[in-house]
Amino acid sequence: YLLEFTVWWHMTLQDPRWSTAVHEAGHAVAARALRRGVRSVS
């Protein structure tokens, strides 16, 4: 459990792309919730 949390914590706080990843994921998940097809996410 500690290992899982440590990996997640390091990934989100240390990777400078995290904010961008969350931004694009926000688009894609909203599309899923609103039943709009997504061809790709990058």
PDB file of all heavy atoms in Angstrom:
ATOM      1  N   TYR A   1       0.836  -1.194   0.000  1.00  0.00           N
ATOM      2  CA  TYR A   1       0.000   0.000   0.000  1.00  0.00           C
ATOM      3  C   TYR A   1       0.875   1.249   0.000  1.00  0.00           C
ATOM      4  O   TYR A   1       0.612   2.206  -0.703  1.00  0.00           O
ATOM      5  CB  TYR A   1      -0.911   0.009   1.230  1.00  0.00           C
ATOM      6  CG  TYR A   1      -1.978  -1.039   1.192  1.00  0.00           C
ATOM      7  CD1 TYR A   1      -1.763  -2.288   1.757  1.00  0.00           C
ATOM      8  CD2 TYR A   1      -3.204  -0.790   0.569  1.00  0.00           C
ATOM      9  CE1 TYR A   1      -2.739  -3.258   1.717  1.00  0.00           C
ATOM     10  CE2 TYR A   1      -4.194  -1.756   0.528  1.00  0.00           C
ATOM     11  CZ  TYR A   1      -3.952  -2.994   1.107  1.00  0.00           C
ATOM     12  OH  TYR A   1      -4.918  -3.954   1.059  1.00  0.00           O
ATOM     13  N   LEU A   2       1.927   1.216   0.826  1.00  0.00           N
ATOM     14  CA  LEU A   2       2.828   2.349   0.890  1.00  0.00           C
ATOM     15  C   LEU A   2       3.541   2.543  -0.436  1.00  0.00           C
ATOM     16  O   LEU A   2       3.712   3.666  -0.907  1.00  0.00           O
ATOM     17  CB  LEU A   2       3.851   2.135   2.015  1.00  0.00           C
ATOM     18  CG  LEU A   2       4.889   3.253   2.197  1.00  0.00           C
ATOM     19  CD1 LEU A   2       4.182   4.574   2.512  1.00  0.00           C
ATOM     20  CD2 LEU A   2       5.870   2.892   3.306  1.00  0.00           C
ATOM     21  N   LEU A   3       3.952   1.452  -1.074  1.00  0.00           N
ATOM     22  CA  LEU A   3       4.632   1.529  -2.359  1.00  0.00           C
ATOM     23  C   LEU A   3       3.707   2.132  -3.411  1.00  0.00           C
ATOM     24  O   LEU A   3       4.107   3.004  -4.178  1.00  0.00           O
ATOM     25  CB  LEU A   3       5.080   0.128  -2.801  1.00  0.00           C
ATOM     26  CG  LEU A   3       5.712   0.047  -4.202  1.00  0.00           C
ATOM     27  CD1 LEU A   3       6.978   0.889  -4.253  1.00  0.00           C
ATOM     28  CD2 LEU A   3       6.023  -1.415  -4.542  1.00  0.00           C
ATOM     29  N   GLU A   4       2.461   1.679  -3.442  1.00  0.00           N
ATOM     30  CA  GLU A   4       1.495   2.194  -4.409  1.00  0.00           C
ATOM     31  C   GLU A   4       1.294   3.698  -4.234  1.00  0.00           C
ATOM     32  O   GLU A   4       1.274   4.455  -5.194  1.00  0.00           O
ATOM     33  CB  GLU A   4       0.158   1.462  -4.234  1.00  0.00           C
ATOM     34  CG  GLU A   4      -0.933   1.882  -5.199  1.00  0.00           C
ATOM     35  CD  GLU A   4      -0.754   1.293  -6.575  1.00  0.00           C
ATOM     36  OE1 GLU A   4       0.159   0.467  -6.751  1.00  0.00           O
ATOM     37  OE2 GLU A   4      -1.531   1.668  -7.466  1.00  0.00           O
ATOM     38  N   PHE A   5       1.143   4.118  -2.992  1.00  0.00           N
ATOM     39  CA  PHE A   5       0.942   5.539  -2.720  1.00  0.00           C
ATOM     40  C   PHE A   5       2.171   6.346  -3.104  1.00  0.00           C
ATOM     41  O   PHE A   5       2.074   7.424  -3.689  1.00  0.00           O
ATOM     42  CB  PHE A   5       0.623   5.744  -1.243  1.00  0.00           C
ATOM     43  CG  PHE A   5       0.568   7.196  -0.846  1.00  0.00           C
ATOM     44  CD1 PHE A   5      -0.521   7.978  -1.215  1.00  0.00           C
ATOM     45  CD2 PHE A   5       1.606   7.771  -0.140  1.00  0.00           C
ATOM     46  CE1 PHE A   5      -0.579   9.314  -0.864  1.00  0.00           C
ATOM     47  CE2 PHE A   5       1.559   9.105   0.203  1.00  0.00           C
ATOM     48  CZ  PHE A   5       0.475   9.881  -0.149  1.00  0.00           C
ATOM     49  N   THR A   6       3.367   5.830  -2.786  1.00  0.00           N
ATOM     50  CA  THR A   6       4.605   6.542  -3.079  1.00  0.00           C
ATOM     51  C   THR A   6       4.782   6.744  -4.573  1.00  0.00           C
ATOM     52  O   THR A   6       5.166   7.823  -5.027  1.00  0.00           O
ATOM     53  CB  THR A   6       5.815   5.767  -2.522  1.00  0.00           C
ATOM     54  OG1 THR A   6       5.650   5.602  -1.118  1.00  0.00           O
ATOM     55  CG2 THR A   6       7.110   6.515  -2.798  1.00  0.00           C
ATOM     56  N   VAL A   7       4.508   5.703  -5.364  1.00  0.00           N
ATOM     57  CA  VAL A   7       4.632   5.805  -6.819  1.00  0.00           C
ATOM     58  C   VAL A   7       3.660   6.852  -7.348  1.00  0.00           C
ATOM     59  O   VAL A   7       4.009   7.694  -8.171  1.00  0.00           O
ATOM     60  CB  VAL A   7       4.355   4.437  -7.476  1.00  0.00           C
ATOM     61  CG1 VAL A   7       4.234   4.594  -8.998  1.00  0.00           C
ATOM     62  CG2 VAL A   7       5.477   3.458  -7.126  1.00  0.00           C
ATOM     63  N   TRP A   8       2.408   6.802  -6.877  1.00  0.00           N
ATOM     64  CA  TRP A   8       1.389   7.763  -7.328  1.00  0.00           C
ATOM     65  C   TRP A   8       1.777   9.185  -6.959  1.00  0.00           C
ATOM     66  O   TRP A   8       1.691  10.108  -7.752  1.00  0.00           O
ATOM     67  CB  TRP A   8       0.055   7.393  -6.694  1.00  0.00           C
ATOM     68  CG  TRP A   8      -1.017   8.408  -6.926  1.00  0.00           C
ATOM     69  CD1 TRP A   8      -1.759   8.590  -8.054  1.00  0.00           C
ATOM     70  CD2 TRP A   8      -1.474   9.393  -5.982  1.00  0.00           C
ATOM     71  NE1 TRP A   8      -2.646   9.624  -7.883  1.00  0.00           N
ATOM     72  CE2 TRP A   8      -2.499  10.131  -6.625  1.00  0.00           C
ATOM     73  CE3 TRP A   8      -1.126   9.715  -4.679  1.00  0.00           C
ATOM     74  CZ2 TRP A   8      -3.155  11.176  -5.996  1.00  0.00           C
ATOM     75  CZ3 TRP A   8      -1.794  10.750  -4.048  1.00  0.00           C
ATOM     76  CH2 TRP A   8      -2.789  11.466  -4.711  1.00  0.00           C
ATOM     77  N   TRP A   9       2.227   9.386  -5.709  1.00  0.00           N
ATOM     78  CA  TRP A   9       2.604  10.710  -5.224  1.00  0.00           C
ATOM     79  C   TRP A   9       3.758  11.273  -6.040  1.00  0.00           C
ATOM     80  O   TRP A   9       3.733  12.439  -6.456  1.00  0.00           O
ATOM     81  CB  TRP A   9       2.988  10.597  -3.753  1.00  0.00           C
ATOM     82  CG  TRP A   9       3.314  11.914  -3.097  1.00  0.00           C
ATOM     83  CD1 TRP A   9       4.530  12.460  -2.883  1.00  0.00           C
ATOM     84  CD2 TRP A   9       2.360  12.849  -2.555  1.00  0.00           C
ATOM     85  NE1 TRP A   9       4.420  13.665  -2.252  1.00  0.00           N
ATOM     86  CE2 TRP A   9       3.106  13.927  -2.043  1.00  0.00           C
ATOM     87  CE3 TRP A   9       0.977  12.866  -2.473  1.00  0.00           C
ATOM     88  CZ2 TRP A   9       2.502  15.024  -1.438  1.00  0.00           C
ATOM     89  CZ3 TRP A   9       0.371  13.957  -1.878  1.00  0.00           C
ATOM     90  CH2 TRP A   9       1.132  15.021  -1.368  1.00  0.00           C
ATOM     91  N   HIS A  10       4.768  10.460  -6.308  1.00  0.00           N
ATOM     92  CA  HIS A  10       5.926  10.912  -7.077  1.00  0.00           C
ATOM     93  C   HIS A  10       5.507  11.262  -8.507  1.00  0.00           C
ATOM     94  O   HIS A  10       5.919  12.277  -9.064  1.00  0.00           O
ATOM     95  CB  HIS A  10       6.998   9.815  -7.099  1.00  0.00           C
ATOM     96  CG  HIS A  10       8.185  10.175  -7.948  1.00  0.00           C
ATOM     97  ND1 HIS A  10       9.172  11.034  -7.515  1.00  0.00           N
ATOM     98  CD2 HIS A  10       8.525   9.816  -9.218  1.00  0.00           C
ATOM     99  CE1 HIS A  10      10.084  11.179  -8.472  1.00  0.00           C
ATOM    100  NE2 HIS A  10       9.715  10.449  -9.502  1.00  0.00           N
ATOM    101  N   MET A  11       4.652  10.438  -9.075  1.00  0.00           N
ATOM    102  CA  MET A  11       4.225  10.646 -10.457  1.00  0.00           C
ATOM    103  C   MET A  11       3.495  11.969 -10.619  1.00  0.00           C
ATOM    104  O   MET A  11       3.750  12.741 -11.543  1.00  0.00           O
ATOM    105  CB  MET A  11       3.319   9.494 -10.901  1.00  0.00           C
ATOM    106  CG  MET A  11       2.814   9.613 -12.334  1.00  0.00           C
ATOM    107  SD  MET A  11       1.659   8.281 -12.727  1.00  0.00           S
ATOM    108  CE  MET A  11       2.719   6.867 -12.600  1.00  0.00           C
ATOM    109  N   THR A  12       2.593  12.253  -9.714  1.00  0.00           N
ATOM    110  CA  THR A  12       1.766  13.441  -9.884  1.00  0.00           C
ATOM    111  C   THR A  12       2.492  14.730  -9.533  1.00  0.00           C
ATOM    112  O   THR A  12       2.264  15.758 -10.170  1.00  0.00           O
ATOM    113  CB  THR A  12       0.501  13.336  -9.017  1.00  0.00           C
ATOM    114  OG1 THR A  12       0.875  13.169  -7.659  1.00  0.00           O
ATOM    115  CG2 THR A  12      -0.364  12.175  -9.449  1.00  0.00           C
ATOM    116  N   LEU A  13       3.351  14.686  -8.537  1.00  0.00           N
ATOM    117  CA  LEU A  13       3.994  15.924  -8.101  1.00  0.00           C
ATOM    118  C   LEU A  13       5.276  16.235  -8.849  1.00  0.00           C
ATOM    119  O   LEU A  13       5.633  17.395  -8.998  1.00  0.00           O
ATOM    120  CB  LEU A  13       4.300  15.845  -6.592  1.00  0.00           C
ATOM    121  CG  LEU A  13       3.085  15.831  -5.665  1.00  0.00           C
ATOM    122  CD1 LEU A  13       3.546  15.961  -4.218  1.00  0.00           C
ATOM    123  CD2 LEU A  13       2.128  16.966  -5.994  1.00  0.00           C
ATOM    124  N   GLN A  14       5.982  15.229  -9.327  1.00  0.00           N
ATOM    125  CA  GLN A  14       7.278  15.447  -9.929  1.00  0.00           C
ATOM    126  C   GLN A  14       7.231  15.592 -11.453  1.00  0.00           C
ATOM    127  O   GLN A  14       8.097  16.234 -12.033  1.00  0.00           O
ATOM    128  CB  GLN A  14       8.228  14.284  -9.553  1.00  0.00           C
ATOM    129  CG  GLN A  14       8.435  14.096  -8.064  1.00  0.00           C
ATOM    130  CD  GLN A  14       9.010  15.337  -7.402  1.00  0.00           C
ATOM    131  OE1 GLN A  14       9.868  16.004  -7.965  1.00  0.00           O
ATOM    132  NE2 GLN A  14       8.535  15.650  -6.208  1.00  0.00           N
ATOM    133  N   ASP A  15       6.278  15.003 -12.097  1.00  0.00           N
ATOM    134  CA  ASP A  15       6.236  15.062 -13.557  1.00  0.00           C
ATOM    135  C   ASP A  15       5.619  16.387 -14.004  1.00  0.00           C
ATOM    136  O   ASP A  15       4.464  16.675 -13.687  1.00  0.00           O
ATOM    137  CB  ASP A  15       5.414  13.894 -14.117  1.00  0.00           C
ATOM    138  CG  ASP A  15       5.671  13.675 -15.598  1.00  0.00           C
ATOM    139  OD1 ASP A  15       5.702  14.670 -16.346  1.00  0.00           O
ATOM    140  OD2 ASP A  15       5.848  12.513 -15.993  1.00  0.00           O
ATOM    141  N   PRO A  16       6.373  17.212 -14.755  1.00  0.00           N
ATOM    142  CA  PRO A  16       5.855  18.521 -15.180  1.00  0.00           C
ATOM    143  C   PRO A  16       4.680  18.416 -16.148  1.00  0.00           C
ATOM    144  O   PRO A  16       3.984  19.404 -16.392  1.00  0.00           O
ATOM    145  CB  PRO A  16       7.068  19.180 -15.846  1.00  0.00           C
ATOM    146  CG  PRO A  16       7.933  18.042 -16.270  1.00  0.00           C
ATOM    147  CD  PRO A  16       7.753  16.985 -15.215  1.00  0.00           C
ATOM    148  N   ARG A  17       4.439  17.237 -16.698  1.00  0.00           N
ATOM    149  CA  ARG A  17       3.340  17.058 -17.642  1.00  0.00           C
ATOM    150  C   ARG A  17       2.011  16.748 -16.957  1.00  0.00           C
ATOM    151  O   ARG A  17       0.987  16.625 -17.634  1.00  0.00           O
ATOM    152  CB  ARG A  17       3.676  15.914 -18.615  1.00  0.00           C
ATOM    153  CG  ARG A  17       4.949  16.099 -19.428  1.00  0.00           C
ATOM    154  CD  ARG A  17       5.272  14.815 -20.175  1.00  0.00           C
ATOM    155  NE  ARG A  17       5.438  13.701 -19.243  1.00  0.00           N
ATOM    156  CZ  ARG A  17       5.436  12.407 -19.590  1.00  0.00           C
ATOM    157  NH1 ARG A  17       5.250  12.076 -20.853  1.00  0.00           N
ATOM    158  NH2 ARG A  17       5.599  11.472 -18.675  1.00  0.00           N
ATOM    159  N   TRP A  18       2.032  16.629 -15.628  1.00  0.00           N
ATOM    160  CA  TRP A  18       0.827  16.207 -14.920  1.00  0.00           C
ATOM    161  C   TRP A  18      -0.356  17.143 -15.178  1.00  0.00           C
ATOM    162  O   TRP A  18      -1.470  16.698 -15.455  1.00  0.00           O
ATOM    163  CB  TRP A  18       1.110  16.093 -13.427  1.00  0.00           C
ATOM    164  CG  TRP A  18      -0.087  15.757 -12.587  1.00  0.00           C
ATOM    165  CD1 TRP A  18      -0.653  16.541 -11.627  1.00  0.00           C
ATOM    166  CD2 TRP A  18      -0.868  14.555 -12.625  1.00  0.00           C
ATOM    167  NE1 TRP A  18      -1.736  15.894 -11.052  1.00  0.00           N
ATOM    168  CE2 TRP A  18      -1.887  14.673 -11.656  1.00  0.00           C
ATOM    169  CE3 TRP A  18      -0.802  13.391 -13.383  1.00  0.00           C
ATOM    170  CZ2 TRP A  18      -2.839  13.681 -11.425  1.00  0.00           C
ATOM    171  CZ3 TRP A  18      -1.749  12.387 -13.168  1.00  0.00           C
ATOM    172  CH2 TRP A  18      -2.747  12.539 -12.197  1.00  0.00           C
ATOM    173  N   SER A  19      -0.128  18.454 -15.098  1.00  0.00           N
ATOM    174  CA  SER A  19      -1.227  19.406 -15.319  1.00  0.00           C
ATOM    175  C   SER A  19      -1.801  19.275 -16.722  1.00  0.00           C
ATOM    176  O   SER A  19      -3.022  19.316 -16.915  1.00  0.00           O
ATOM    177  CB  SER A  19      -0.732  20.845 -15.095  1.00  0.00           C
ATOM    178  OG  SER A  19      -0.490  21.087 -13.735  1.00  0.00           O
ATOM    179  N   THR A  20      -0.911  19.100 -17.706  1.00  0.00           N
ATOM    180  CA  THR A  20      -1.369  18.925 -19.085  1.00  0.00           C
ATOM    181  C   THR A  20      -2.158  17.634 -19.228  1.00  0.00           C
ATOM    182  O   THR A  20      -3.202  17.595 -19.893  1.00  0.00           O
ATOM    183  CB  THR A  20      -0.169  18.906 -20.057  1.00  0.00           C
ATOM    184  OG1 THR A  20       0.546  20.140 -19.959  1.00  0.00           O
ATOM    185  CG2 THR A  20      -0.638  18.718 -21.495  1.00  0.00           C
ATOM    186  N   ALA A  21      -1.681  16.583 -18.587  1.00  0.00           N
ATOM    187  CA  ALA A  21      -2.373  15.294 -18.659  1.00  0.00           C
ATOM    188  C   ALA A  21      -3.764  15.389 -18.057  1.00  0.00           C
ATOM    189  O   ALA A  21      -4.734  14.855 -18.597  1.00  0.00           O
ATOM    190  CB  ALA A  21      -1.552  14.216 -17.949  1.00  0.00           C
ATOM    191  N   VAL A  22      -3.887  16.087 -16.921  1.00  0.00           N
ATOM    192  CA  VAL A  22      -5.193  16.256 -16.286  1.00  0.00           C
ATOM    193  C   VAL A  22      -6.100  17.112 -17.170  1.00  0.00           C
ATOM    194  O   VAL A  22      -7.298  16.846 -17.300  1.00  0.00           O
ATOM    195  CB  VAL A  22      -5.040  16.885 -14.882  1.00  0.00           C
ATOM    196  CG1 VAL A  22      -6.387  17.312 -14.320  1.00  0.00           C
ATOM    197  CG2 VAL A  22      -4.370  15.886 -13.940  1.00  0.00           C
ATOM    198  N   HIS A  23      -5.536  18.142 -17.794  1.00  0.00           N
ATOM    199  CA  HIS A  23      -6.308  19.011 -18.691  1.00  0.00           C
ATOM    200  C   HIS A  23      -6.925  18.196 -19.832  1.00  0.00           C
ATOM    201  O   HIS A  23      -8.133  18.258 -20.073  1.00  0.00           O
ATOM    202  CB  HIS A  23      -5.391  20.099 -19.260  1.00  0.00           C
ATOM    203  CG  HIS A  23      -6.077  21.095 -20.139  1.00  0.00           C
ATOM    204  ND1 HIS A  23      -6.220  22.418 -19.799  1.00  0.00           N
ATOM    205  CD2 HIS A  23      -6.653  20.972 -21.369  1.00  0.00           C
ATOM    206  CE1 HIS A  23      -6.862  23.059 -20.752  1.00  0.00           C
ATOM    207  NE2 HIS A  23      -7.126  22.197 -21.730  1.00  0.00           N
ATOM    208  N   GLU A  24      -6.081  17.414 -20.524  1.00  0.00           N
ATOM    209  CA  GLU A  24      -6.582  16.628 -21.657  1.00  0.00           C
ATOM    210  C   GLU A  24      -7.526  15.516 -21.181  1.00  0.00           C
ATOM    211  O   GLU A  24      -8.514  15.201 -21.848  1.00  0.00           O
ATOM    212  CB  GLU A  24      -5.415  16.041 -22.457  1.00  0.00           C
ATOM    213  CG  GLU A  24      -4.441  17.068 -23.015  1.00  0.00           C
ATOM    214  CD  GLU A  24      -5.118  18.152 -23.841  1.00  0.00           C
ATOM    215  OE1 GLU A  24      -6.169  17.888 -24.462  1.00  0.00           O
ATOM    216  OE2 GLU A  24      -4.601  19.284 -23.859  1.00  0.00           O
ATOM    217  N   ALA A  25      -7.224  14.944 -20.026  1.00  0.00           N
ATOM    218  CA  ALA A  25      -8.120  13.922 -19.467  1.00  0.00           C
ATOM    219  C   ALA A  25      -9.475  14.511 -19.131  1.00  0.00           C
ATOM    220  O   ALA A  25     -10.511  13.856 -19.287  1.00  0.00           O
ATOM    221  CB  ALA A  25      -7.485  13.293 -18.223  1.00  0.00           C
ATOM    222  N   GLY A  26      -9.482  15.767 -18.670  1.00  0.00           N
ATOM    223  CA  GLY A  26     -10.744  16.433 -18.389  1.00  0.00           C
ATOM    224  C   GLY A  26     -11.626  16.522 -19.622  1.00  0.00           C
ATOM    225  O   GLY A  26     -12.833  16.244 -19.574  1.00  0.00           O
ATOM    226  N   HIS A  27     -11.019  16.897 -20.748  1.00  0.00           N
ATOM    227  CA  HIS A  27     -11.760  16.932 -22.016  1.00  0.00           C
ATOM    228  C   HIS A  27     -12.343  15.550 -22.338  1.00  0.00           C
ATOM    229  O   HIS A  27     -13.524  15.410 -22.671  1.00  0.00           O
ATOM    230  CB  HIS A  27     -10.829  17.323 -23.167  1.00  0.00           C
ATOM    231  CG  HIS A  27     -10.402  18.754 -23.181  1.00  0.00           C
ATOM    232  ND1 HIS A  27     -11.273  19.807 -23.039  1.00  0.00           N
ATOM    233  CD2 HIS A  27      -9.170  19.309 -23.361  1.00  0.00           C
ATOM    234  CE1 HIS A  27     -10.604  20.948 -23.120  1.00  0.00           C
ATOM    235  NE2 HIS A  27      -9.331  20.669 -23.300  1.00  0.00           N
ATOM    236  N   ALA A  28     -11.474  14.541 -22.277  1.00  0.00           N
ATOM    237  CA  ALA A  28     -11.862  13.198 -22.708  1.00  0.00           C
ATOM    238  C   ALA A  28     -12.936  12.582 -21.809  1.00  0.00           C
ATOM    239  O   ALA A  28     -13.867  11.930 -22.289  1.00  0.00           O
ATOM    240  CB  ALA A  28     -10.635  12.284 -22.756  1.00  0.00           C
ATOM    241  N   VAL A  29     -12.813  12.776 -20.503  1.00  0.00           N
ATOM    242  CA  VAL A  29     -13.795  12.209 -19.581  1.00  0.00           C
ATOM    243  C   VAL A  29     -15.138  12.924 -19.719  1.00  0.00           C
ATOM    244  O   VAL A  29     -16.198  12.287 -19.661  1.00  0.00           O
ATOM    245  CB  VAL A  29     -13.276  12.261 -18.129  1.00  0.00           C
ATOM    246  CG1 VAL A  29     -14.378  11.893 -17.145  1.00  0.00           C
ATOM    247  CG2 VAL A  29     -12.086  11.304 -17.972  1.00  0.00           C
ATOM    248  N   ALA A  30     -15.106  14.234 -19.918  1.00  0.00           N
ATOM    249  CA  ALA A  30     -16.350  14.956 -20.155  1.00  0.00           C
ATOM    250  C   ALA A  30     -17.025  14.440 -21.423  1.00  0.00           C
ATOM    251  O   ALA A  30     -18.251  14.273 -21.471  1.00  0.00           O
ATOM    252  CB  ALA A  30     -16.083  16.455 -20.276  1.00  0.00           C
ATOM    253  N   ALA A  31     -16.227  14.166 -22.446  1.00  0.00           N
ATOM    254  CA  ALA A  31     -16.786  13.612 -23.681  1.00  0.00           C
ATOM    255  C   ALA A  31     -17.436  12.261 -23.416  1.00  0.00           C
ATOM    256  O   ALA A  31     -18.527  11.970 -23.920  1.00  0.00           O
ATOM    257  CB  ALA A  31     -15.685  13.479 -24.737  1.00  0.00           C
ATOM    258  N   ARG A  32     -16.779  11.443 -22.624  1.00  0.00           N
ATOM    259  CA  ARG A  32     -17.336  10.124 -22.275  1.00  0.00           C
ATOM    260  C   ARG A  32     -18.653  10.298 -21.508  1.00  0.00           C
ATOM    261  O   ARG A  32     -19.655   9.626 -21.805  1.00  0.00           O
ATOM    262  CB  ARG A  32     -16.315   9.351 -21.436  1.00  0.00           C
ATOM    263  CG  ARG A  32     -16.817   8.101 -20.718  1.00  0.00           C
ATOM    264  CD  ARG A  32     -16.945   6.896 -21.624  1.00  0.00           C
ATOM    265  NE  ARG A  32     -17.270   5.718 -20.824  1.00  0.00           N
ATOM    266  CZ  ARG A  32     -16.392   4.779 -20.449  1.00  0.00           C
ATOM    267  NH1 ARG A  32     -15.125   4.870 -20.837  1.00  0.00           N
ATOM    268  NH2 ARG A  32     -16.764   3.747 -19.729  1.00  0.00           N
ATOM    269  N   ALA A  33     -18.662  11.198 -20.537  1.00  0.00           N
ATOM    270  CA  ALA A  33     -19.864  11.418 -19.731  1.00  0.00           C
ATOM    271  C   ALA A  33     -21.019  11.964 -20.564  1.00  0.00           C
ATOM    272  O   ALA A  33     -22.179  11.657 -20.315  1.00  0.00           O
ATOM    273  CB  ALA A  33     -19.549  12.380 -18.585  1.00  0.00           C
ATOM    274  N   LEU A  34     -20.680  12.752 -21.571  1.00  0.00           N
ATOM    275  CA  LEU A  34     -21.695  13.375 -22.422  1.00  0.00           C
ATOM    276  C   LEU A  34     -21.932  12.598 -23.719  1.00  0.00           C
ATOM    277  O   LEU A  34     -22.586  13.082 -24.630  1.00  0.00           O
ATOM    278  CB  LEU A  34     -21.278  14.816 -22.747  1.00  0.00           C
ATOM    279  CG  LEU A  34     -21.181  15.739 -21.532  1.00  0.00           C
ATOM    280  CD1 LEU A  34     -20.527  17.059 -21.905  1.00  0.00           C
ATOM    281  CD2 LEU A  34     -22.553  15.980 -20.925  1.00  0.00           C
ATOM    282  N   ARG A  35     -21.357  11.404 -23.784  1.00  0.00           N
ATOM    283  CA  ARG A  35     -21.572  10.484 -24.908  1.00  0.00           C
ATOM    284  C   ARG A  35     -21.106  11.041 -26.248  1.00  0.00           C
ATOM    285  O   ARG A  35     -21.801  10.966 -27.262  1.00  0.00           O
ATOM    286  CB  ARG A  35     -23.047  10.088 -24.982  1.00  0.00           C
ATOM    287  CG  ARG A  35     -23.541   9.406 -23.712  1.00  0.00           C
ATOM    288  CD  ARG A  35     -24.986   8.999 -23.823  1.00  0.00           C
ATOM    289  NE  ARG A  35     -25.448   8.358 -22.601  1.00  0.00           N
ATOM    290  CZ  ARG A  35     -26.671   7.867 -22.437  1.00  0.00           C
ATOM    291  NH1 ARG A  35     -27.542   7.944 -23.423  1.00  0.00           N
ATOM    292  NH2 ARG A  35     -27.015   7.300 -21.299  1.00  0.00           N
ATOM    293  N   ARG A  36     -19.897  11.589 -26.243  1.00  0.00           N
ATOM    294  CA  ARG A  36     -19.271  12.077 -27.470  1.00  0.00           C
ATOM    295  C   ARG A  36     -18.022  11.245 -27.702  1.00  0.00           C
ATOM    296  O   ARG A  36     -17.181  11.096 -26.820  1.00  0.00           O
ATOM    297  CB  ARG A  36     -18.915  13.558 -27.322  1.00  0.00           C
ATOM    298  CG  ARG A  36     -18.122  14.150 -28.469  1.00  0.00           C
ATOM    299  CD  ARG A  36     -19.006  14.605 -29.602  1.00  0.00           C
ATOM    300  NE  ARG A  36     -18.208  15.075 -30.727  1.00  0.00           N
ATOM    301  CZ  ARG A  36     -17.743  16.305 -30.858  1.00  0.00           C
ATOM    302  NH1 ARG A  36     -17.992  17.217 -29.920  1.00  0.00           N
ATOM    303  NH2 ARG A  36     -17.041  16.649 -31.924  1.00  0.00           N
ATOM    304  N   GLY A  37     -17.876  10.698 -28.894  1.00  0.00           N
ATOM    305  CA  GLY A  37     -16.745   9.823 -29.187  1.00  0.00           C
ATOM    306  C   GLY A  37     -15.415  10.556 -29.222  1.00  0.00           C
ATOM    307  O   GLY A  37     -15.328  11.687 -29.698  1.00  0.00           O
ATOM    308  N   VAL A  38     -14.369   9.920 -28.713  1.00  0.00           N
ATOM    309  CA  VAL A  38     -13.009  10.451 -28.741  1.00  0.00           C
ATOM    310  C   VAL A  38     -12.156   9.544 -29.615  1.00  0.00           C
ATOM    311  O   VAL A  38     -12.129   8.331 -29.405  1.00  0.00           O
ATOM    312  CB  VAL A  38     -12.414  10.532 -27.322  1.00  0.00           C
ATOM    313  CG1 VAL A  38     -10.927  10.835 -27.379  1.00  0.00           C
ATOM    314  CG2 VAL A  38     -13.132  11.593 -26.509  1.00  0.00           C
ATOM    315  N   ARG A  39     -11.462  10.123 -30.565  1.00  0.00           N
ATOM    316  CA  ARG A  39     -10.633   9.336 -31.468  1.00  0.00           C
ATOM    317  C   ARG A  39      -9.245   9.083 -30.884  1.00  0.00           C
ATOM    318  O   ARG A  39      -8.670   8.010 -31.045  1.00  0.00           O
ATOM    319  CB  ARG A  39     -10.514  10.047 -32.812  1.00  0.00           C
ATOM    320  CG  ARG A  39      -9.831   9.221 -33.891  1.00  0.00           C
ATOM    321  CD  ARG A  39     -10.088   9.820 -35.264  1.00  0.00           C
ATOM    322  NE  ARG A  39      -9.663  11.226 -35.317  1.00  0.00           N
ATOM    323  CZ  ARG A  39      -9.928  12.034 -36.345  1.00  0.00           C
ATOM    324  NH1 ARG A  39     -10.637  11.597 -37.357  1.00  0.00           N
ATOM    325  NH2 ARG A  39      -9.493  13.272 -36.330  1.00  0.00           N
ATOM    326  N   SER A  40      -8.688  10.098 -30.195  1.00  0.00           N
ATOM    327  CA  SER A  40      -7.378   9.945 -29.559  1.00  0.00           C
ATOM    328  C   SER A  40      -7.173  11.045 -28.526  1.00  0.00           C
ATOM    329  O   SER A  40      -7.829  12.084 -28.575  1.00  0.00           O
ATOM    330  CB  SER A  40      -6.250   9.999 -30.601  1.00  0.00           C
ATOM    331  OG  SER A  40      -6.202  11.274 -31.231  1.00  0.00           O
ATOM    332  N   VAL A  41      -6.241  10.775 -27.591  1.00  0.00           N
ATOM    333  CA  VAL A  41      -5.867  11.750 -26.558  1.00  0.00           C
ATOM    334  C   VAL A  41      -4.353  11.786 -26.502  1.00  0.00           C
ATOM    335  O   VAL A  41      -3.704  10.732 -26.509  1.00  0.00           O
ATOM    336  CB  VAL A  41      -6.426  11.362 -25.170  1.00  0.00           C
ATOM    337  CG1 VAL A  41      -6.134  12.460 -24.158  1.00  0.00           C
ATOM    338  CG2 VAL A  41      -7.916  11.067 -25.233  1.00  0.00           C
ATOM    339  N   SER A  42      -3.771  12.984 -26.447  1.00  0.00           N
ATOM    340  CA  SER A  42      -2.314  13.079 -26.470  1.00  0.00           C
ATOM    341  C   SER A  42      -1.823  14.237 -25.609  1.00  0.00           C
ATOM    342  O   SER A  42      -2.479  15.278 -25.508  1.00  0.00           O
ATOM    343  CB  SER A  42      -1.827  13.282 -27.909  1.00  0.00           C
ATOM    344  OG  SER A  42      -0.416  13.457 -27.948  1.00  0.00           O
TER     345      SER A  42
END
